[in-house]
């Protein structure tokens, strides 16, 4: 399974600590965007995740966690948006 994290929210830039806590826990709960009461449990275990794709404008907050991801056996890649205007 490919985990796309995330196109809706810049998880690496703003929520990297939360994301790492969820990866350590081995799962996360994802609400259905059309029915917030319906939650899906998604495994984040290395045996279930082929790769994490991190979409971000600022990967720096995740840099300190890359060694830990490597040690857990996770594979990952970054898609960085480069724009010609300030935040």
Foldseek 3Di string as FASTA:
>chain_A
DEAEADDVDQCQVPPLVVVVVQLVVQWDWDADPVGRVDIDIGGNQLVRHQEYEHEHQDNVSCPVCPVVCVVSVHHYDYDHDDDDDDD
